Amino acid sequence: MAKATNTVCVHPFRLKKLAKDPIARPGRPRNVLARAEVRSQVLADGSVLYRFRESADPKPIGTEMKQQVQQKSEESVEDGHMHDLLIVGPGVLGSMVAELWLQRFPKARVVGQTNTERSHGRLRAMGLEPRTKFQGDGTSFPYVIFCAPPSGSDDYPKEVAEAVQHWNHKGGLVFTSSAGVYQENNLGTCNEESQLQLLGNSERSDKLLLAEEIVHEVGGNVVRLAGLYTADRGAHMFFLKASSVSRCGENVINLIHYEDAAALTVEALLAGTRSKYYLGCDNHPLTLAAMMKYVVDSGNYEGGCKFLGDGPPQGKKLNNDKTRHELSWEPKHASFEIFVNKI
């Protein structure tokens, strides 16, 4: 059988070319990594050329990685550490996951892995054991969550692949992704099994989809999250500070409170499932104009935002009934409107 070769030329922080691939099944990208031999070459200008060669007898990329993880599991945690957790990226979301985890498993060892030591004092005060990614001792963990954003990494899929190798397969592995990987943008309904972006459509979605595939191949779960918010974080704060933007006010946005995203992530870690895709949202999509009206009408914020764009509205309407049923989960904050009026 002839082998077809696709190429990807990747500059730092920028994809220059990526062969677009059809999606084989709803809810996940075509398994580019699992069905290809991958070769890389550093070019004179510093870019990296990746070659994906189709093979008649493919070896999934997860196979070798899974073998490495299983070898580490031979040195796995003792009975007293059966709920130890590694959090890669203990920012706002990761810290909330840590708090919930320690409430449920107070004797667990929770390690927060960061790029620098700037937040280590805060993490220690929370009861976490902080370390940088360069300080790992090779210990494997029954539970691992990767919730660092793509913006903090030069090679995001590689960072995820390295984190995966700390998992010993005895508990759960979760990667927090974004609902932005879904293709829908014409105000249609979107759920866990909706079509995804094609590789090459956007640098951010490419990073997330490739990272999702790495986690999926070794049996980890993916949680795709809508827009995260708290009282002083999120899209509403961005628009308040901007005061006016050239966007259409009828564009649709989907939201989930950080606390609910953390709780959902914990349930996905403990579900005992493998290679599942979950969706985190409050099931109350709303327009940008409506969101800011709720903010202003609540009386808890000063200012507002004018939407000056007049193009056709865009966005998707997320529904995660399947996730709620499978994980027996419901959000504490039922909608953004209810939340801002309770502050």
Protein backbone atom coordinates (compact mmCIF):
# COMPACT_ATOMS: atom_id res chain seq x y z
CA MET A 1 0.00 0.00 0.00
CA ALA A 2 1.37 3.41 -0.91
CA LYS A 3 2.14 5.76 1.93
CA ALA A 4 0.86 9.34 1.87
CA THR A 5 2.91 12.04 3.55
CA ASN A 6 1.53 15.25 5.05
CA THR A 7 3.80 17.99 6.36
CA VAL A 8 3.48 20.56 9.11
CA CYS A 9 5.87 23.49 9.35
CA VAL A 10 5.79 24.92 12.85
CA HIS A 11 7.46 28.19 13.79
CA PRO A 12 7.66 29.22 17.47
CA PHE A 13 4.10 30.14 18.51
CA ARG A 14 2.85 29.93 14.90
CA LEU A 15 1.68 27.14 12.59
CA LYS A 16 2.62 27.96 9.02
CA LYS A 17 1.06 24.99 7.25
CA LEU A 18 -1.02 22.00 8.28
CA ALA A 19 -2.73 19.56 5.99
CA LYS A 20 -6.46 19.65 6.79
CA ASP A 21 -7.87 16.29 7.75
CA PRO A 22 -11.51 15.16 7.70
CA ILE A 23 -12.99 14.09 10.99
CA ALA A 24 -13.60 10.37 11.20
CA ARG A 25 -16.05 10.41 14.10
CA PRO A 26 -18.04 13.06 15.95
CA GLY A 27 -16.51 14.29 19.18
CA ARG A 28 -12.84 13.65 18.38
CA PRO A 29 -10.37 14.46 15.59
CA ARG A 30 -9.27 11.90 13.06
CA ASN A 31 -6.50 9.97 14.77
CA VAL A 32 -3.64 11.63 12.94
CA LEU A 33 -1.09 10.69 15.58
CA ALA A 34 -2.21 7.10 15.99
CA ARG A 35 -2.21 6.31 12.27
CA ALA A 36 1.02 8.01 11.33
CA GLU A 37 4.74 7.71 11.60
CA VAL A 38 5.98 11.10 12.81
CA ARG A 39 9.34 12.56 11.82
CA SER A 40 10.67 16.04 12.56
CA GLN A 41 13.39 18.19 11.03
CA VAL A 42 14.75 21.53 12.26
CA LEU A 43 15.06 23.95 9.34
CA ALA A 44 17.59 26.75 8.86
CA ASP A 45 15.15 29.46 9.94
CA GLY A 46 14.50 27.74 13.26
CA SER A 47 11.14 26.27 12.30
CA VAL A 48 10.36 22.59 12.74
CA LEU A 49 9.01 20.49 9.89
CA TYR A 50 6.84 17.56 11.01
CA ARG A 51 6.09 14.75 8.57
CA PHE A 52 3.09 12.52 9.18
CA ARG A 53 3.39 9.36 7.04
CA GLU A 54 0.37 7.09 6.81
CA SER A 55 1.23 3.49 7.61
CA ALA A 56 -0.57 0.31 6.54
CA ASP A 57 0.34 -1.19 9.90
CA PRO A 58 0.05 1.77 12.26
CA LYS A 59 1.45 1.82 15.75
CA PRO A 60 -0.46 4.27 17.97
CA ILE A 61 1.66 6.97 19.46
CA GLY A 62 0.10 6.09 22.80
CA THR A 63 1.54 2.56 22.75
CA GLU A 64 5.12 3.48 23.57
CA MET A 65 4.00 6.15 26.01
CA LYS A 66 1.62 3.71 27.70
CA GLN A 67 4.46 1.18 28.07
CA GLN A 68 6.61 3.82 29.76
CA VAL A 69 3.76 4.74 32.10
CA GLN A 70 3.09 1.10 32.94
CA GLN A 71 6.78 0.55 33.70
CA LYS A 72 6.63 3.45 36.14
CA SER A 73 3.58 1.90 37.75
CA GLU A 74 5.84 -0.90 38.98
CA GLU A 75 7.22 1.69 41.38
CA SER A 76 3.75 3.03 42.04
CA VAL A 77 2.32 4.58 45.13
CA GLU A 78 1.84 2.61 48.31
CA ASP A 79 -1.60 1.99 49.76
CA GLY A 80 -1.39 5.12 51.93
CA HIS A 81 -1.01 7.28 48.82
CA MET A 82 -3.77 5.87 46.66
CA HIS A 83 -5.28 9.34 46.13
CA ASP A 84 -2.09 11.31 45.54
CA LEU A 85 -2.60 13.94 42.85
CA LEU A 86 -0.29 15.81 40.47
CA ILE A 87 -1.69 19.11 39.20
CA VAL A 88 0.19 20.52 36.21
CA GLY A 89 -0.76 24.18 36.09
CA PRO A 90 -2.16 24.97 39.57
CA GLY A 91 -3.56 28.39 38.66
CA VAL A 92 -7.10 29.47 39.52
CA LEU A 93 -8.75 26.29 38.24
CA GLY A 94 -5.99 23.95 39.43
CA SER A 95 -5.99 25.52 42.89
CA MET A 96 -9.75 25.01 43.21
CA VAL A 97 -9.31 21.37 42.17
CA ALA A 98 -6.65 21.02 44.89
CA GLU A 99 -8.97 22.46 47.55
CA LEU A 100 -11.79 20.10 46.61
CA TRP A 101 -9.39 17.16 46.49
CA LEU A 102 -7.94 17.82 49.94
CA GLN A 103 -11.43 18.23 51.38
CA ARG A 104 -12.31 14.79 50.07
CA PHE A 105 -8.91 13.14 50.67
CA PRO A 106 -7.17 15.08 53.48
CA LYS A 107 -4.27 12.59 53.69
CA ALA A 108 -3.46 12.76 50.00
CA ARG A 109 -0.22 14.18 48.72
CA VAL A 110 -1.05 16.94 46.23
CA VAL A 111 1.79 18.25 44.10
CA GLY A 112 1.44 21.48 42.12
CA GLN A 113 3.80 21.64 39.14
CA THR A 114 4.60 25.07 37.75
CA ASN A 115 6.97 26.67 35.25
CA THR A 116 8.49 29.01 37.86
CA GLU A 117 8.62 29.31 41.64
CA ARG A 118 6.59 32.53 41.81
CA SER A 119 3.44 30.89 43.18
CA HIS A 120 5.11 28.34 45.45
CA GLY A 121 4.46 30.28 48.64
CA ARG A 122 0.74 30.42 47.88
CA LEU A 123 0.66 26.72 47.04
CA ARG A 124 2.43 25.74 50.27
CA ALA A 125 -0.07 27.80 52.26
CA MET A 126 -2.84 25.76 50.63
CA GLY A 127 -1.22 22.50 51.72
CA LEU A 128 0.25 21.62 48.34
CA GLU A 129 3.77 20.46 47.60
CA PRO A 130 5.03 22.83 44.89
CA ARG A 131 7.70 22.04 42.33
CA THR A 132 8.78 23.23 38.92
CA LYS A 133 8.67 20.94 35.92
CA PHE A 134 12.45 20.62 36.23
CA GLN A 135 12.29 19.33 39.81
CA GLY A 136 10.32 16.10 39.30
CA ASP A 137 11.86 12.99 40.88
CA GLY A 138 10.30 10.42 38.54
CA THR A 139 7.52 9.49 40.98
CA SER A 140 4.30 8.35 39.35
CA PHE A 141 0.83 9.35 40.56
CA PRO A 142 -2.54 7.58 40.51
CA TYR A 143 -4.23 10.88 39.61
CA VAL A 144 -2.94 13.55 37.25
CA ILE A 145 -4.63 16.65 35.90
CA PHE A 146 -3.18 18.96 33.26
CA CYS A 147 -4.89 22.36 33.38
CA ALA A 148 -2.17 24.73 32.19
CA PRO A 149 -3.20 26.95 29.24
CA PRO A 150 -1.49 26.74 25.83
CA SER A 151 -0.19 30.29 26.23
CA GLY A 152 2.38 29.18 28.79
CA SER A 153 4.22 26.71 26.55
CA ASP A 154 6.38 26.79 23.43
CA ASP A 155 5.42 23.18 22.61
CA TYR A 156 2.09 22.47 24.26
CA PRO A 157 1.51 18.88 23.05
CA LYS A 158 5.03 17.98 24.22
CA GLU A 159 4.31 19.44 27.68
CA VAL A 160 1.15 17.34 27.89
CA ALA A 161 2.98 14.22 26.73
CA GLU A 162 5.61 14.71 29.45
CA ALA A 163 2.95 15.18 32.12
CA VAL A 164 1.13 12.02 31.00
CA GLN A 165 4.21 9.96 31.80
CA HIS A 166 3.74 10.76 35.50
CA TRP A 167 0.44 8.82 35.52
CA ASN A 168 0.50 5.19 36.69
CA HIS A 169 -2.97 4.21 35.38
CA LYS A 170 -4.28 3.32 38.85
CA GLY A 171 -6.63 6.29 39.17
CA GLY A 172 -7.57 8.96 36.65
CA LEU A 173 -5.97 11.33 34.16
CA VAL A 174 -7.73 14.50 32.99
CA PHE A 175 -6.80 17.17 30.48
CA THR A 176 -8.83 20.38 30.61
CA SER A 177 -9.44 21.62 27.09
CA SER A 178 -11.77 24.23 25.61
CA ALA A 179 -15.21 24.09 24.02
CA GLY A 180 -13.64 26.30 21.38
CA VAL A 181 -12.44 23.15 19.59
CA TYR A 182 -15.99 22.54 18.36
CA GLN A 183 -16.64 23.59 14.78
CA GLU A 184 -20.13 25.06 15.20
CA ASN A 185 -20.18 28.86 14.91
CA ASN A 186 -23.59 29.66 13.39
CA LEU A 187 -25.67 29.69 16.58
CA GLY A 188 -26.44 25.97 16.39
CA THR A 189 -26.64 23.58 19.34
CA CYS A 190 -23.40 21.85 20.25
CA ASN A 191 -22.87 18.86 22.58
CA GLU A 192 -20.16 16.38 23.53
CA GLU A 193 -20.34 14.60 20.17
CA SER A 194 -20.48 17.61 17.84
CA GLN A 195 -17.99 18.04 15.01
CA LEU A 196 -14.60 19.50 15.81
CA GLN A 197 -12.42 22.11 14.17
CA LEU A 198 -10.28 20.84 11.32
CA LEU A 199 -6.58 20.78 12.06
CA GLY A 200 -5.06 23.89 10.54
CA ASN A 201 -8.03 26.19 11.21
CA SER A 202 -6.41 27.85 14.19
CA GLU A 203 -3.16 27.60 16.09
CA ARG A 204 -4.90 27.42 19.46
CA SER A 205 -7.35 24.69 18.50
CA ASP A 206 -4.53 22.72 16.83
CA LYS A 207 -2.56 22.70 20.09
CA LEU A 208 -5.59 21.63 22.09
CA LEU A 209 -6.67 18.89 19.67
CA LEU A 210 -3.19 17.38 19.45
CA ALA A 211 -2.92 17.47 23.26
CA GLU A 212 -6.37 15.87 23.58
CA GLU A 213 -5.29 13.06 21.28
CA ILE A 214 -2.20 12.30 23.38
CA VAL A 215 -4.33 12.03 26.53
CA HIS A 216 -7.02 9.99 24.78
CA GLU A 217 -4.49 7.46 23.48
CA VAL A 218 -3.28 6.53 26.98
CA GLY A 219 -6.78 6.29 28.47
CA GLY A 220 -7.14 9.74 29.97
CA ASN A 221 -10.32 11.83 29.96
CA VAL A 222 -10.77 15.23 28.35
CA VAL A 223 -12.97 17.96 29.83
CA ARG A 224 -13.82 20.70 27.34
CA LEU A 225 -14.77 23.85 29.23
CA ALA A 226 -16.88 26.86 28.27
CA GLY A 227 -15.81 30.38 29.28
CA LEU A 228 -14.63 30.41 32.89
CA TYR A 229 -15.62 33.15 35.31
CA THR A 230 -15.73 34.32 38.91
CA ALA A 231 -17.02 37.62 40.28
CA ASP A 232 -13.84 39.39 39.16
CA ARG A 233 -12.58 37.15 36.35
CA GLY A 234 -13.94 36.27 32.96
CA ALA A 235 -15.43 37.76 29.80
CA HIS A 236 -17.64 40.24 31.67
CA MET A 237 -14.58 41.84 33.26
CA PHE A 238 -12.84 42.10 29.89
CA PHE A 239 -15.81 43.95 28.41
CA LEU A 240 -16.21 46.19 31.45
CA LYS A 241 -12.60 47.32 31.13
CA ALA A 242 -12.90 47.78 27.36
CA SER A 243 -16.14 49.87 27.62
CA SER A 244 -16.68 49.47 23.85
CA VAL A 245 -15.69 46.77 21.35
CA SER A 246 -16.17 46.16 17.64
CA ARG A 247 -18.11 42.94 18.19
CA CYS A 248 -21.72 42.10 17.53
CA GLY A 249 -23.71 42.16 20.77
CA GLU A 250 -25.81 39.24 19.52
CA ASN A 251 -22.81 36.92 19.44
CA VAL A 252 -23.45 33.96 21.75
CA ILE A 253 -21.20 33.05 24.67
CA ASN A 254 -21.24 29.99 26.94
CA LEU A 255 -20.06 30.09 30.53
CA ILE A 256 -19.20 27.99 33.57
CA HIS A 257 -18.10 29.19 36.98
CA TYR A 258 -14.58 28.21 38.05
CA GLU A 259 -15.99 26.39 41.08
CA ASP A 260 -18.25 24.27 38.88
CA ALA A 261 -15.43 23.57 36.42
CA ALA A 262 -13.25 22.38 39.31
CA ALA A 263 -16.00 20.15 40.69
CA LEU A 264 -16.64 18.68 37.24
CA THR A 265 -12.94 17.99 36.77
CA VAL A 266 -12.75 16.15 40.09
CA GLU A 267 -15.70 13.97 39.06
CA ALA A 268 -13.99 13.21 35.75
CA LEU A 269 -10.83 12.22 37.65
CA LEU A 270 -12.74 9.87 39.95
CA ALA A 271 -15.20 8.47 37.39
CA GLY A 272 -13.13 5.36 36.65
CA THR A 273 -13.73 5.90 32.93
CA ARG A 274 -11.13 5.82 30.19
CA SER A 275 -10.71 7.94 27.04
CA LYS A 276 -13.95 9.89 27.52
CA TYR A 277 -14.81 13.39 26.35
CA TYR A 278 -16.84 15.56 28.76
CA LEU A 279 -18.24 19.05 28.31
CA GLY A 280 -18.40 21.72 31.01
CA CYS A 281 -21.01 24.49 30.70
CA ASP A 282 -24.05 25.81 32.57
CA ASN A 283 -26.50 25.04 29.72
CA HIS A 284 -27.51 28.71 29.59
CA PRO A 285 -25.94 30.24 26.47
CA LEU A 286 -26.48 33.98 26.25
CA THR A 287 -25.62 36.89 24.00
CA LEU A 288 -22.80 39.28 24.86
CA ALA A 289 -25.33 42.09 25.17
CA ALA A 290 -27.47 40.07 27.58
CA MET A 291 -24.44 39.13 29.68
CA MET A 292 -23.44 42.76 30.12
CA LYS A 293 -27.03 43.79 30.82
CA TYR A 294 -27.11 41.29 33.69
CA VAL A 295 -23.84 42.77 34.97
CA VAL A 296 -25.11 46.35 34.89
CA ASP A 297 -28.58 45.52 36.25
CA SER A 298 -27.11 43.62 39.18
CA GLY A 299 -25.81 46.88 40.67
CA ASN A 300 -22.59 45.15 41.67
CA TYR A 301 -20.40 46.65 38.94
CA GLU A 302 -19.65 50.09 37.58
CA GLY A 303 -19.66 50.91 33.89
CA GLY A 304 -20.79 48.86 30.94
CA CYS A 305 -19.86 48.01 27.37
CA LYS A 306 -21.07 49.11 23.94
CA PHE A 307 -20.99 46.52 21.15
CA LEU A 308 -20.33 48.32 17.88
CA GLY A 309 -20.15 45.36 15.50
CA ASP A 310 -23.02 44.93 13.04
CA GLY A 311 -22.09 41.66 11.35
CA PRO A 312 -24.21 38.50 11.54
CA PRO A 313 -24.12 36.98 15.03
CA GLN A 314 -21.81 34.04 15.65
CA GLY A 315 -21.29 31.42 18.31
CA LYS A 316 -22.64 28.09 19.51
CA LYS A 317 -25.18 26.97 22.10
CA LEU A 318 -23.58 24.35 24.33
CA ASN A 319 -25.55 21.57 25.98
CA ASN A 320 -23.87 19.04 28.30
CA ASP A 321 -26.81 16.88 29.40
CA LYS A 322 -24.81 13.76 28.55
CA THR A 323 -21.92 14.79 30.81
CA ARG A 324 -24.29 15.62 33.65
CA HIS A 325 -25.93 12.21 33.40
CA GLU A 326 -22.69 10.22 33.11
CA LEU A 327 -20.94 11.97 36.00
CA SER A 328 -24.02 12.70 38.16
CA TRP A 329 -22.94 16.33 38.22
CA GLU A 330 -24.87 19.58 38.35
CA PRO A 331 -23.42 23.10 38.58
CA LYS A 332 -23.65 24.99 41.84
CA HIS A 333 -24.09 28.22 39.85
CA ALA A 334 -26.98 27.43 37.52
CA SER A 335 -26.46 30.46 35.30
CA PHE A 336 -24.43 33.65 35.03
CA GLU A 337 -27.55 35.76 35.57
CA ILE A 338 -28.31 34.06 38.87
CA PHE A 339 -24.70 34.35 39.98
CA VAL A 340 -24.24 38.09 39.40
CA ASN A 341 -27.46 38.85 41.26
CA LYS A 342 -26.28 36.90 44.31
CA ILE A 343 -22.87 38.58 44.68
